[in-house]
Amino acid sequence: MMKVVLKAYDLNNPKSSSRAMKAVSKLEGVESMKVDREKKTLTVIGNIDPYEVVCKLRKLMDAAIESAGPNKEENKEAVEKKKKEEEEKKKVEELLKTYYNNVGYYPYYWPVFTNK
């Protein structure tokens, strides 16, 4: 997953920002987009090539890549998910320990069959 932040100089206008989002959304692999009109930036997240995104946007307006790299939010989610799984494993282990400590040994009793 890549996070590409583009600087586009015509994004302060709502009509041009919607055109830019429409053009970039047609690219394959785009998962989410966000426009910041005050900073005049377009943030695109997905399995995309930054060069393709800039080329598509430059057909509409003057644009440049501000930053491109891996999506850090995805890494945070993965770390949180691992922590939750580890906590669940610890809880299960503690429950099993308390169960086996309290239950002890149960001998196996043969069933008794009666003929009636």
PDB file of N, CA and C in Angstrom:
ATOM      1  N   MET A   1       0.839  -1.171   0.000  1.00  0.00           N
ATOM      2  CA  MET A   1       0.000   0.000   0.000  1.00  0.00           C
ATOM      3  C   MET A   1       0.887   1.238   0.000  1.00  0.00           C
ATOM      4  N   MET A   2       0.613   2.107  -0.940  1.00  0.00           N
ATOM      5  CA  MET A   2       1.359   3.352  -1.066  1.00  0.00           C
ATOM      6  C   MET A   2       0.467   4.521  -0.666  1.00  0.00           C
ATOM      7  N   LYS A   3       1.104   5.512  -0.097  1.00  0.00           N
ATOM      8  CA  LYS A   3       0.426   6.766   0.204  1.00  0.00           C
ATOM      9  C   LYS A   3       1.145   7.843  -0.590  1.00  0.00           C
ATOM     10  N   VAL A   4       0.425   8.479  -1.503  1.00  0.00           N
ATOM     11  CA  VAL A   4       0.988   9.510  -2.372  1.00  0.00           C
ATOM     12  C   VAL A   4       0.286  10.826  -2.073  1.00  0.00           C
ATOM     13  N   VAL A   5       1.075  11.843  -1.760  1.00  0.00           N
ATOM     14  CA  VAL A   5       0.531  13.182  -1.523  1.00  0.00           C
ATOM     15  C   VAL A   5       0.970  14.060  -2.685  1.00  0.00           C
ATOM     16  N   LEU A   6      -0.013  14.630  -3.384  1.00  0.00           N
ATOM     17  CA  LEU A   6       0.246  15.449  -4.564  1.00  0.00           C
ATOM     18  C   LEU A   6      -0.092  16.901  -4.278  1.00  0.00           C
ATOM     19  N   LYS A   7       0.726  17.794  -4.772  1.00  0.00           N
ATOM     20  CA  LYS A   7       0.475  19.231  -4.662  1.00  0.00           C
ATOM     21  C   LYS A   7      -0.106  19.680  -5.994  1.00  0.00           C
ATOM     22  N   ALA A   8      -1.359  20.105  -5.987  1.00  0.00           N
ATOM     23  CA  ALA A   8      -2.029  20.590  -7.186  1.00  0.00           C
ATOM     24  C   ALA A   8      -2.504  22.010  -6.907  1.00  0.00           C
ATOM     25  N   TYR A   9      -2.208  22.902  -7.805  1.00  0.00           N
ATOM     26  CA  TYR A   9      -2.419  24.330  -7.534  1.00  0.00           C
ATOM     27  C   TYR A   9      -3.839  24.814  -7.806  1.00  0.00           C
ATOM     28  N   ASP A  10      -4.679  23.997  -8.425  1.00  0.00           N
ATOM     29  CA  ASP A  10      -6.051  24.401  -8.710  1.00  0.00           C
ATOM     30  C   ASP A  10      -7.073  23.679  -7.840  1.00  0.00           C
ATOM     31  N   LEU A  11      -6.664  23.100  -6.754  1.00  0.00           N
ATOM     32  CA  LEU A  11      -7.589  22.323  -5.927  1.00  0.00           C
ATOM     33  C   LEU A  11      -8.436  23.170  -4.991  1.00  0.00           C
ATOM     34  N   ASN A  12      -8.228  24.487  -4.930  1.00  0.00           N
ATOM     35  CA  ASN A  12      -9.051  25.309  -4.045  1.00  0.00           C
ATOM     36  C   ASN A  12     -10.469  25.486  -4.586  1.00  0.00           C
ATOM     37  N   ASN A  13     -10.669  25.266  -5.868  1.00  0.00           N
ATOM     38  CA  ASN A  13     -11.979  25.350  -6.491  1.00  0.00           C
ATOM     39  C   ASN A  13     -12.685  23.995  -6.347  1.00  0.00           C
ATOM     40  N   PRO A  14     -13.938  23.969  -5.868  1.00  0.00           N
ATOM     41  CA  PRO A  14     -14.638  22.685  -5.696  1.00  0.00           C
ATOM     42  C   PRO A  14     -14.823  21.908  -6.998  1.00  0.00           C
ATOM     43  N   LYS A  15     -15.048  22.627  -8.084  1.00  0.00           N
ATOM     44  CA  LYS A  15     -15.266  21.951  -9.357  1.00  0.00           C
ATOM     45  C   LYS A  15     -13.987  21.263  -9.838  1.00  0.00           C
ATOM     46  N   SER A  16     -12.865  21.930  -9.726  1.00  0.00           N
ATOM     47  CA  SER A  16     -11.613  21.323 -10.177  1.00  0.00           C
ATOM     48  C   SER A  16     -11.177  20.187  -9.247  1.00  0.00           C
ATOM     49  N   SER A  17     -11.470  20.312  -7.957  1.00  0.00           N
ATOM     50  CA  SER A  17     -11.107  19.228  -7.043  1.00  0.00           C
ATOM     51  C   SER A  17     -11.943  17.975  -7.323  1.00  0.00           C
ATOM     52  N   SER A  18     -13.206  18.152  -7.661  1.00  0.00           N
ATOM     53  CA  SER A  18     -14.028  16.987  -7.998  1.00  0.00           C
ATOM     54  C   SER A  18     -13.575  16.363  -9.314  1.00  0.00           C
ATOM     55  N   ARG A  19     -13.130  17.180 -10.263  1.00  0.00           N
ATOM     56  CA  ARG A  19     -12.581  16.640 -11.514  1.00  0.00           C
ATOM     57  C   ARG A  19     -11.323  15.826 -11.253  1.00  0.00           C
ATOM     58  N   ALA A  20     -10.464  16.341 -10.381  1.00  0.00           N
ATOM     59  CA  ALA A  20      -9.221  15.635 -10.055  1.00  0.00           C
ATOM     60  C   ALA A  20      -9.526  14.303  -9.378  1.00  0.00           C
ATOM     61  N   MET A  21     -10.447  14.299  -8.442  1.00  0.00           N
ATOM     62  CA  MET A  21     -10.801  13.056  -7.760  1.00  0.00           C
ATOM     63  C   MET A  21     -11.416  12.054  -8.721  1.00  0.00           C
ATOM     64  N   LYS A  22     -12.226  12.526  -9.633  1.00  0.00           N
ATOM     65  CA  LYS A  22     -12.854  11.643 -10.604  1.00  0.00           C
ATOM     66  C   LYS A  22     -11.807  11.019 -11.524  1.00  0.00           C
ATOM     67  N   ALA A  23     -10.828  11.812 -11.946  1.00  0.00           N
ATOM     68  CA  ALA A  23      -9.792  11.308 -12.843  1.00  0.00           C
ATOM     69  C   ALA A  23      -8.888  10.292 -12.151  1.00  0.00           C
ATOM     70  N   VAL A  24      -8.505  10.594 -10.920  1.00  0.00           N
ATOM     71  CA  VAL A  24      -7.590   9.707 -10.201  1.00  0.00           C
ATOM     72  C   VAL A  24      -8.306   8.438  -9.740  1.00  0.00           C
ATOM     73  N   SER A  25      -9.587   8.523  -9.449  1.00  0.00           N
ATOM     74  CA  SER A  25     -10.320   7.347  -8.980  1.00  0.00           C
ATOM     75  C   SER A  25     -10.454   6.278 -10.058  1.00  0.00           C
ATOM     76  N   LYS A  26     -10.286   6.640 -11.302  1.00  0.00           N
ATOM     77  CA  LYS A  26     -10.376   5.670 -12.393  1.00  0.00           C
ATOM     78  C   LYS A  26      -9.133   4.792 -12.491  1.00  0.00           C
ATOM     79  N   LEU A  27      -8.063   5.184 -11.823  1.00  0.00           N
ATOM     80  CA  LEU A  27      -6.851   4.364 -11.853  1.00  0.00           C
ATOM     81  C   LEU A  27      -7.062   3.067 -11.080  1.00  0.00           C
ATOM     82  N   GLU A  28      -6.384   2.030 -11.524  1.00  0.00           N
ATOM     83  CA  GLU A  28      -6.518   0.729 -10.893  1.00  0.00           C
ATOM     84  C   GLU A  28      -5.703   0.683  -9.596  1.00  0.00           C
ATOM     85  N   GLY A  29      -6.311   0.208  -8.532  1.00  0.00           N
ATOM     86  CA  GLY A  29      -5.620   0.048  -7.263  1.00  0.00           C
ATOM     87  C   GLY A  29      -5.862   1.168  -6.264  1.00  0.00           C
ATOM     88  N   VAL A  30      -6.621   2.179  -6.614  1.00  0.00           N
ATOM     89  CA  VAL A  30      -6.889   3.285  -5.692  1.00  0.00           C
ATOM     90  C   VAL A  30      -7.930   2.832  -4.674  1.00  0.00           C
ATOM     91  N   GLU A  31      -7.594   2.979  -3.383  1.00  0.00           N
ATOM     92  CA  GLU A  31      -8.516   2.578  -2.324  1.00  0.00           C
ATOM     93  C   GLU A  31      -9.200   3.766  -1.669  1.00  0.00           C
ATOM     94  N   SER A  32      -8.462   4.856  -1.448  1.00  0.00           N
ATOM     95  CA  SER A  32      -9.086   6.034  -0.846  1.00  0.00           C
ATOM     96  C   SER A  32      -8.369   7.289  -1.307  1.00  0.00           C
ATOM     97  N   MET A  33      -9.114   8.400  -1.262  1.00  0.00           N
ATOM     98  CA  MET A  33      -8.574   9.700  -1.667  1.00  0.00           C
ATOM     99  C   MET A  33      -9.076  10.746  -0.686  1.00  0.00           C
ATOM    100  N   LYS A  34      -8.273  11.786  -0.537  1.00  0.00           N
ATOM    101  CA  LYS A  34      -8.659  12.882   0.350  1.00  0.00           C
ATOM    102  C   LYS A  34      -8.122  14.177  -0.234  1.00  0.00           C
ATOM    103  N   VAL A  35      -8.974  15.190  -0.315  1.00  0.00           N
ATOM    104  CA  VAL A  35      -8.569  16.496  -0.831  1.00  0.00           C
ATOM    105  C   VAL A  35      -8.526  17.478   0.323  1.00  0.00           C
ATOM    106  N   ASP A  36      -7.426  18.202   0.423  1.00  0.00           N
ATOM    107  CA  ASP A  36      -7.288  19.278   1.401  1.00  0.00           C
ATOM    108  C   ASP A  36      -7.193  20.577   0.608  1.00  0.00           C
ATOM    109  N   ARG A  37      -8.284  21.335   0.582  1.00  0.00           N
ATOM    110  CA  ARG A  37      -8.327  22.548  -0.245  1.00  0.00           C
ATOM    111  C   ARG A  37      -7.468  23.669   0.312  1.00  0.00           C
ATOM    112  N   GLU A  38      -7.296  23.720   1.626  1.00  0.00           N
ATOM    113  CA  GLU A  38      -6.475  24.771   2.219  1.00  0.00           C
ATOM    114  C   GLU A  38      -5.002  24.590   1.863  1.00  0.00           C
ATOM    115  N   LYS A  39      -4.538  23.352   1.936  1.00  0.00           N
ATOM    116  CA  LYS A  39      -3.132  23.074   1.608  1.00  0.00           C
ATOM    117  C   LYS A  39      -2.920  22.792   0.119  1.00  0.00           C
ATOM    118  N   LYS A  40      -4.032  22.638  -0.603  1.00  0.00           N
ATOM    119  CA  LYS A  40      -4.014  22.318  -2.030  1.00  0.00           C
ATOM    120  C   LYS A  40      -3.293  21.002  -2.294  1.00  0.00           C
ATOM    121  N   THR A  41      -3.673  19.972  -1.535  1.00  0.00           N
ATOM    122  CA  THR A  41      -3.064  18.657  -1.701  1.00  0.00           C
ATOM    123  C   THR A  41      -4.129  17.599  -1.931  1.00  0.00           C
ATOM    124  N   LEU A  42      -3.738  16.564  -2.640  1.00  0.00           N
ATOM    125  CA  LEU A  42      -4.571  15.402  -2.891  1.00  0.00           C
ATOM    126  C   LEU A  42      -3.803  14.194  -2.378  1.00  0.00           C
ATOM    127  N   THR A  43      -4.385  13.470  -1.421  1.00  0.00           N
ATOM    128  CA  THR A  43      -3.757  12.287  -0.851  1.00  0.00           C
ATOM    129  C   THR A  43      -4.448  11.053  -1.406  1.00  0.00           C
ATOM    130  N   VAL A  44      -3.662  10.158  -1.995  1.00  0.00           N
ATOM    131  CA  VAL A  44      -4.187   8.944  -2.606  1.00  0.00           C
ATOM    132  C   VAL A  44      -3.537   7.746  -1.914  1.00  0.00           C
ATOM    133  N   ILE A  45      -4.362   6.766  -1.494  1.00  0.00           N
ATOM    134  CA  ILE A  45      -3.865   5.570  -0.833  1.00  0.00           C
ATOM    135  C   ILE A  45      -4.324   4.352  -1.625  1.00  0.00           C
ATOM    136  N   GLY A  46      -3.389   3.419  -1.853  1.00  0.00           N
ATOM    137  CA  GLY A  46      -3.716   2.185  -2.550  1.00  0.00           C
ATOM    138  C   GLY A  46      -2.487   1.565  -3.174  1.00  0.00           C
ATOM    139  N   ASN A  47      -2.695   0.498  -3.916  1.00  0.00           N
ATOM    140  CA  ASN A  47      -1.611  -0.155  -4.646  1.00  0.00           C
ATOM    141  C   ASN A  47      -1.469   0.549  -5.992  1.00  0.00           C
ATOM    142  N   ILE A  48      -0.754   1.656  -5.993  1.00  0.00           N
ATOM    143  CA  ILE A  48      -0.670   2.516  -7.164  1.00  0.00           C
ATOM    144  C   ILE A  48       0.766   2.931  -7.427  1.00  0.00           C
ATOM    145  N   ASP A  49       0.997   3.377  -8.643  1.00  0.00           N
ATOM    146  CA  ASP A  49       2.292   3.930  -9.025  1.00  0.00           C
ATOM    147  C   ASP A  49       2.177   5.449  -8.966  1.00  0.00           C
ATOM    148  N   PRO A  50       3.025   6.126  -8.184  1.00  0.00           N
ATOM    149  CA  PRO A  50       2.927   7.586  -8.074  1.00  0.00           C
ATOM    150  C   PRO A  50       3.058   8.299  -9.418  1.00  0.00           C
ATOM    151  N   TYR A  51       3.867   7.744 -10.306  1.00  0.00           N
ATOM    152  CA  TYR A  51       4.063   8.360 -11.618  1.00  0.00           C
ATOM    153  C   TYR A  51       2.755   8.381 -12.409  1.00  0.00           C
ATOM    154  N   GLU A  52       2.003   7.279 -12.360  1.00  0.00           N
ATOM    155  CA  GLU A  52       0.729   7.220 -13.088  1.00  0.00           C
ATOM    156  C   GLU A  52      -0.269   8.238 -12.539  1.00  0.00           C
ATOM    157  N   VAL A  53      -0.273   8.391 -11.225  1.00  0.00           N
ATOM    158  CA  VAL A  53      -1.208   9.334 -10.599  1.00  0.00           C
ATOM    159  C   VAL A  53      -0.881  10.760 -11.031  1.00  0.00           C
ATOM    160  N   VAL A  54       0.409  11.113 -11.032  1.00  0.00           N
ATOM    161  CA  VAL A  54       0.809  12.471 -11.424  1.00  0.00           C
ATOM    162  C   VAL A  54       0.509  12.709 -12.892  1.00  0.00           C
ATOM    163  N   CYS A  55       0.785  11.728 -13.736  1.00  0.00           N
ATOM    164  CA  CYS A  55       0.500  11.891 -15.165  1.00  0.00           C
ATOM    165  C   CYS A  55      -0.986  12.117 -15.404  1.00  0.00           C
ATOM    166  N   LYS A  56      -1.819  11.367 -14.708  1.00  0.00           N
ATOM    167  CA  LYS A  56      -3.267  11.513 -14.869  1.00  0.00           C
ATOM    168  C   LYS A  56      -3.731  12.891 -14.390  1.00  0.00           C
ATOM    169  N   LEU A  57      -3.151  13.365 -13.294  1.00  0.00           N
ATOM    170  CA  LEU A  57      -3.556  14.653 -12.733  1.00  0.00           C
ATOM    171  C   LEU A  57      -3.005  15.821 -13.553  1.00  0.00           C
ATOM    172  N   ARG A  58      -1.838  15.650 -14.144  1.00  0.00           N
ATOM    173  CA  ARG A  58      -1.252  16.724 -14.948  1.00  0.00           C
ATOM    174  C   ARG A  58      -2.021  16.994 -16.232  1.00  0.00           C
ATOM    175  N   LYS A  59      -2.833  16.037 -16.673  1.00  0.00           N
ATOM    176  CA  LYS A  59      -3.679  16.276 -17.836  1.00  0.00           C
ATOM    177  C   LYS A  59      -4.743  17.333 -17.528  1.00  0.00           C
ATOM    178  N   LEU A  60      -5.090  17.455 -16.240  1.00  0.00           N
ATOM    179  CA  LEU A  60      -6.116  18.412 -15.837  1.00  0.00           C
ATOM    180  C   LEU A  60      -5.547  19.723 -15.316  1.00  0.00           C
ATOM    181  N   MET A  61      -4.447  19.635 -14.544  1.00  0.00           N
ATOM    182  CA  MET A  61      -3.910  20.830 -13.884  1.00  0.00           C
ATOM    183  C   MET A  61      -2.429  20.632 -13.590  1.00  0.00           C
ATOM    184  N   ASP A  62      -1.799  21.692 -13.153  1.00  0.00           N
ATOM    185  CA  ASP A  62      -0.390  21.633 -12.783  1.00  0.00           C
ATOM    186  C   ASP A  62      -0.271  20.899 -11.454  1.00  0.00           C
ATOM    187  N   ALA A  63       0.515  19.812 -11.427  1.00  0.00           N
ATOM    188  CA  ALA A  63       0.623  18.995 -10.223  1.00  0.00           C
ATOM    189  C   ALA A  63       2.039  18.481 -10.050  1.00  0.00           C
ATOM    190  N   ALA A  64       2.387  18.181  -8.806  1.00  0.00           N
ATOM    191  CA  ALA A  64       3.707  17.642  -8.489  1.00  0.00           C
ATOM    192  C   ALA A  64       3.573  16.713  -7.282  1.00  0.00           C
ATOM    193  N   ILE A  65       4.508  15.777  -7.167  1.00  0.00           N
ATOM    194  CA  ILE A  65       4.508  14.859  -6.033  1.00  0.00           C
ATOM    195  C   ILE A  65       5.136  15.558  -4.839  1.00  0.00           C
ATOM    196  N   GLU A  66       4.396  15.605  -3.748  1.00  0.00           N
ATOM    197  CA  GLU A  66       4.925  16.181  -2.519  1.00  0.00           C
ATOM    198  C   GLU A  66       5.627  15.106  -1.693  1.00  0.00           C
ATOM    199  N   SER A  67       4.998  13.937  -1.571  1.00  0.00           N
ATOM    200  CA  SER A  67       5.629  12.810  -0.884  1.00  0.00           C
ATOM    201  C   SER A  67       4.991  11.513  -1.355  1.00  0.00           C
ATOM    202  N   ALA A  68       5.778  10.446  -1.300  1.00  0.00           N
ATOM    203  CA  ALA A  68       5.294   9.117  -1.659  1.00  0.00           C
ATOM    204  C   ALA A  68       6.021   8.103  -0.798  1.00  0.00           C
ATOM    205  N   GLY A  69       5.277   7.149  -0.282  1.00  0.00           N
ATOM    206  CA  GLY A  69       5.880   6.128   0.558  1.00  0.00           C
ATOM    207  C   GLY A  69       4.830   5.167   1.066  1.00  0.00           C
ATOM    208  N   PRO A  70       5.240   4.246   1.933  1.00  0.00           N
ATOM    209  CA  PRO A  70       4.280   3.282   2.472  1.00  0.00           C
ATOM    210  C   PRO A  70       3.288   3.964   3.412  1.00  0.00           C
ATOM    211  N   ASN A  71       2.117   3.381   3.500  1.00  0.00           N
ATOM    212  CA  ASN A  71       1.064   3.910   4.356  1.00  0.00           C
ATOM    213  C   ASN A  71       1.363   3.528   5.798  1.00  0.00           C
ATOM    214  N   LYS A  72       1.642   4.501   6.648  1.00  0.00           N
ATOM    215  CA  LYS A  72       2.009   4.232   8.034  1.00  0.00           C
ATOM    216  C   LYS A  72       0.803   3.812   8.864  1.00  0.00           C
ATOM    217  N   GLU A  73      -0.388   4.248   8.504  1.00  0.00           N
ATOM    218  CA  GLU A  73      -1.581   3.890   9.253  1.00  0.00           C
ATOM    219  C   GLU A  73      -1.836   2.393   9.175  1.00  0.00           C
ATOM    220  N   GLU A  74      -1.509   1.793   8.035  1.00  0.00           N
ATOM    221  CA  GLU A  74      -1.693   0.353   7.872  1.00  0.00           C
ATOM    222  C   GLU A  74      -0.783  -0.405   8.836  1.00  0.00           C
ATOM    223  N   ASN A  75       0.457   0.069   8.994  1.00  0.00           N
ATOM    224  CA  ASN A  75       1.395  -0.574   9.905  1.00  0.00           C
ATOM    225  C   ASN A  75       0.906  -0.486  11.343  1.00  0.00           C
ATOM    226  N   LYS A  76       0.323   0.639  11.724  1.00  0.00           N
ATOM    227  CA  LYS A  76      -0.200   0.803  13.076  1.00  0.00           C
ATOM    228  C   LYS A  76      -1.338  -0.180  13.332  1.00  0.00           C
ATOM    229  N   GLU A  77      -2.199  -0.355  12.332  1.00  0.00           N
ATOM    230  CA  GLU A  77      -3.315  -1.281  12.480  1.00  0.00           C
ATOM    231  C   GLU A  77      -2.805  -2.704  12.638  1.00  0.00           C
ATOM    232  N   ALA A  78      -1.786  -3.071  11.887  1.00  0.00           N
ATOM    233  CA  ALA A  78      -1.232  -4.417  11.979  1.00  0.00           C
ATOM    234  C   ALA A  78      -0.616  -4.647  13.355  1.00  0.00           C
ATOM    235  N   VAL A  79       0.073  -3.654  13.890  1.00  0.00           N
ATOM    236  CA  VAL A  79       0.684  -3.780  15.211  1.00  0.00           C
ATOM    237  C   VAL A  79      -0.397  -3.924  16.279  1.00  0.00           C
ATOM    238  N   GLU A  80      -1.451  -3.124  16.181  1.00  0.00           N
ATOM    239  CA  GLU A  80      -2.544  -3.210  17.152  1.00  0.00           C
ATOM    240  C   GLU A  80      -3.223  -4.571  17.079  1.00  0.00           C
ATOM    241  N   LYS A  81      -3.379  -5.097  15.885  1.00  0.00           N
ATOM    242  CA  LYS A  81      -4.011  -6.398  15.705  1.00  0.00           C
ATOM    243  C   LYS A  81      -3.162  -7.497  16.344  1.00  0.00           C
ATOM    244  N   LYS A  82      -1.838  -7.413  16.165  1.00  0.00           N
ATOM    245  CA  LYS A  82      -0.946  -8.397  16.784  1.00  0.00           C
ATOM    246  C   LYS A  82      -1.036  -8.345  18.300  1.00  0.00           C
ATOM    247  N   LYS A  83      -1.068  -7.125  18.846  1.00  0.00           N
ATOM    248  CA  LYS A  83      -1.162  -6.967  20.297  1.00  0.00           C
ATOM    249  C   LYS A  83      -2.441  -7.592  20.833  1.00  0.00           C
ATOM    250  N   LYS A  84      -3.553  -7.369  20.134  1.00  0.00           N
ATOM    251  CA  LYS A  84      -4.820  -7.943  20.567  1.00  0.00           C
ATOM    252  C   LYS A  84      -4.768  -9.464  20.532  1.00  0.00           C
ATOM    253  N   GLU A  85      -4.168 -10.035  19.480  1.00  0.00           N
ATOM    254  CA  GLU A  85      -4.064 -11.490  19.379  1.00  0.00           C
ATOM    255  C   GLU A  85      -3.202 -12.054  20.508  1.00  0.00           C
ATOM    256  N   GLU A  86      -2.104 -11.374  20.831  1.00  0.00           N
ATOM    257  CA  GLU A  86      -1.239 -11.832  21.918  1.00  0.00           C
ATOM    258  C   GLU A  86      -1.966 -11.774  23.260  1.00  0.00           C
ATOM    259  N   GLU A  87      -2.736 -10.697  23.484  1.00  0.00           N
ATOM    260  CA  GLU A  87      -3.502 -10.582  24.724  1.00  0.00           C
ATOM    261  C   GLU A  87      -4.532 -11.701  24.833  1.00  0.00           C
ATOM    262  N   GLU A  88      -5.196 -12.025  23.718  1.00  0.00           N
ATOM    263  CA  GLU A  88      -6.179 -13.105  23.731  1.00  0.00           C
ATOM    264  C   GLU A  88      -5.512 -14.444  24.031  1.00  0.00           C
ATOM    265  N   LYS A  89      -4.321 -14.675  23.449  1.00  0.00           N
ATOM    266  CA  LYS A  89      -3.600 -15.919  23.727  1.00  0.00           C
ATOM    267  C   LYS A  89      -3.230 -16.021  25.194  1.00  0.00           C
ATOM    268  N   LYS A  90      -2.768 -14.900  25.770  1.00  0.00           N
ATOM    269  CA  LYS A  90      -2.415 -14.898  27.185  1.00  0.00           C
ATOM    270  C   LYS A  90      -3.635 -15.200  28.052  1.00  0.00           C
ATOM    271  N   LYS A  91      -4.778 -14.620  27.714  1.00  0.00           N
ATOM    272  CA  LYS A  91      -5.997 -14.870  28.478  1.00  0.00           C
ATOM    273  C   LYS A  91      -6.392 -16.342  28.415  1.00  0.00           C
ATOM    274  N   VAL A  92      -6.301 -16.916  27.218  1.00  0.00           N
ATOM    275  CA  VAL A  92      -6.653 -18.326  27.049  1.00  0.00           C
ATOM    276  C   VAL A  92      -5.695 -19.207  27.845  1.00  0.00           C
ATOM    277  N   GLU A  93      -4.397 -18.897  27.789  1.00  0.00           N
ATOM    278  CA  GLU A  93      -3.412 -19.672  28.546  1.00  0.00           C
ATOM    279  C   GLU A  93      -3.688 -19.585  30.048  1.00  0.00           C
ATOM    280  N   GLU A  94      -4.005 -18.408  30.546  1.00  0.00           N
ATOM    281  CA  GLU A  94      -4.313 -18.248  31.966  1.00  0.00           C
ATOM    282  C   GLU A  94      -5.559 -19.030  32.360  1.00  0.00           C
ATOM    283  N   LEU A  95      -6.577 -18.980  31.498  1.00  0.00           N
ATOM    284  CA  LEU A  95      -7.791 -19.738  31.785  1.00  0.00           C
ATOM    285  C   LEU A  95      -7.515 -21.230  31.810  1.00  0.00           C
ATOM    286  N   LEU A  96      -6.710 -21.717  30.868  1.00  0.00           N
ATOM    287  CA  LEU A  96      -6.380 -23.133  30.849  1.00  0.00           C
ATOM    288  C   LEU A  96      -5.577 -23.534  32.084  1.00  0.00           C
ATOM    289  N   LYS A  97      -4.642 -22.681  32.500  1.00  0.00           N
ATOM    290  CA  LYS A  97      -3.850 -22.981  33.692  1.00  0.00           C
ATOM    291  C   LYS A  97      -4.741 -23.066  34.922  1.00  0.00           C
ATOM    292  N   THR A  98      -5.638 -22.100  35.074  1.00  0.00           N
ATOM    293  CA  THR A  98      -6.516 -22.123  36.241  1.00  0.00           C
ATOM    294  C   THR A  98      -7.462 -23.320  36.184  1.00  0.00           C
ATOM    295  N   TYR A  99      -7.902 -23.685  35.002  1.00  0.00           N
ATOM    296  CA  TYR A  99      -8.794 -24.835  34.850  1.00  0.00           C
ATOM    297  C   TYR A  99      -8.084 -26.113  35.270  1.00  0.00           C
ATOM    298  N   TYR A 100      -6.884 -26.339  34.730  1.00  0.00           N
ATOM    299  CA  TYR A 100      -6.169 -27.571  35.052  1.00  0.00           C
ATOM    300  C   TYR A 100      -5.689 -27.594  36.496  1.00  0.00           C
ATOM    301  N   ASN A 101      -5.386 -26.446  37.077  1.00  0.00           N
ATOM    302  CA  ASN A 101      -4.987 -26.412  38.484  1.00  0.00           C
ATOM    303  C   ASN A 101      -6.168 -26.712  39.400  1.00  0.00           C
ATOM    304  N   ASN A 102      -7.346 -26.244  39.086  1.00  0.00           N
ATOM    305  CA  ASN A 102      -8.522 -26.442  39.928  1.00  0.00           C
ATOM    306  C   ASN A 102      -9.184 -27.796  39.700  1.00  0.00           C
ATOM    307  N   VAL A 103      -9.152 -28.278  38.458  1.00  0.00           N
ATOM    308  CA  VAL A 103      -9.841 -29.511  38.140  1.00  0.00           C
ATOM    309  C   VAL A 103      -9.068 -30.705  38.674  1.00  0.00           C
ATOM    310  N   GLY A 104      -7.786 -30.718  38.464  1.00  0.00           N
ATOM    311  CA  GLY A 104      -6.983 -31.840  38.927  1.00  0.00           C
ATOM    312  C   GLY A 104      -7.162 -33.033  38.011  1.00  0.00           C
ATOM    313  N   TYR A 105      -6.999 -34.216  38.590  1.00  0.00           N
ATOM    314  CA  TYR A 105      -7.052 -35.445  37.814  1.00  0.00           C
ATOM    315  C   TYR A 105      -8.413 -36.091  37.979  1.00  0.00           C
ATOM    316  N   TYR A 106      -9.025 -36.408  36.866  1.00  0.00           N
ATOM    317  CA  TYR A 106     -10.277 -37.139  36.880  1.00  0.00           C
ATOM    318  C   TYR A 106      -9.999 -38.547  36.371  1.00  0.00           C
ATOM    319  N   PRO A 107     -10.193 -39.537  37.213  1.00  0.00           N
ATOM    320  CA  PRO A 107      -9.973 -40.906  36.731  1.00  0.00           C
ATOM    321  C   PRO A 107     -11.075 -41.293  35.748  1.00  0.00           C
ATOM    322  N   TYR A 108     -10.734 -42.179  34.883  1.00  0.00           N
ATOM    323  CA  TYR A 108     -11.697 -42.639  33.896  1.00  0.00           C
ATOM    324  C   TYR A 108     -12.528 -43.750  34.513  1.00  0.00           C
ATOM    325  N   TYR A 109     -13.830 -43.603  34.501  1.00  0.00           N
ATOM    326  CA  TYR A 109     -14.731 -44.628  35.024  1.00  0.00           C
ATOM    327  C   TYR A 109     -15.333 -45.400  33.858  1.00  0.00           C
ATOM    328  N   TRP A 110     -15.268 -46.711  33.991  1.00  0.00           N
ATOM    329  CA  TRP A 110     -15.879 -47.546  32.971  1.00  0.00           C
ATOM    330  C   TRP A 110     -17.378 -47.476  33.122  1.00  0.00           C
ATOM    331  N   PRO A 111     -18.043 -47.375  32.005  1.00  0.00           N
ATOM    332  CA  PRO A 111     -19.517 -47.336  32.109  1.00  0.00           C
ATOM    333  C   PRO A 111     -20.073 -48.670  32.593  1.00  0.00           C
ATOM    334  N   VAL A 112     -21.092 -48.586  33.349  1.00  0.00           N
ATOM    335  CA  VAL A 112     -21.722 -49.779  33.876  1.00  0.00           C
ATOM    336  C   VAL A 112     -22.968 -50.046  33.060  1.00  0.00           C
ATOM    337  N   PHE A 113     -23.017 -51.251  32.494  1.00  0.00           N
ATOM    338  CA  PHE A 113     -24.178 -51.620  31.689  1.00  0.00           C
ATOM    339  C   PHE A 113     -25.049 -52.583  32.513  1.00  0.00           C
ATOM    340  N   THR A 114     -26.270 -52.289  32.512  1.00  0.00           N
ATOM    341  CA  THR A 114     -27.183 -53.183  33.213  1.00  0.00           C
ATOM    342  C   THR A 114     -28.096 -53.846  32.205  1.00  0.00           C
ATOM    343  N   ASN A 115     -28.354 -55.085  32.422  1.00  0.00           N
ATOM    344  CA  ASN A 115     -29.271 -55.818  31.555  1.00  0.00           C
ATOM    345  C   ASN A 115     -30.628 -55.879  32.226  1.00  0.00           C
ATOM    346  N   LYS A 116     -31.556 -55.178  31.684  1.00  0.00           N
ATOM    347  CA  LYS A 116     -32.897 -55.224  32.234  1.00  0.00           C
ATOM    348  C   LYS A 116     -33.865 -55.693  31.215  1.00  0.00           C
TER     349      LYS A 116
END
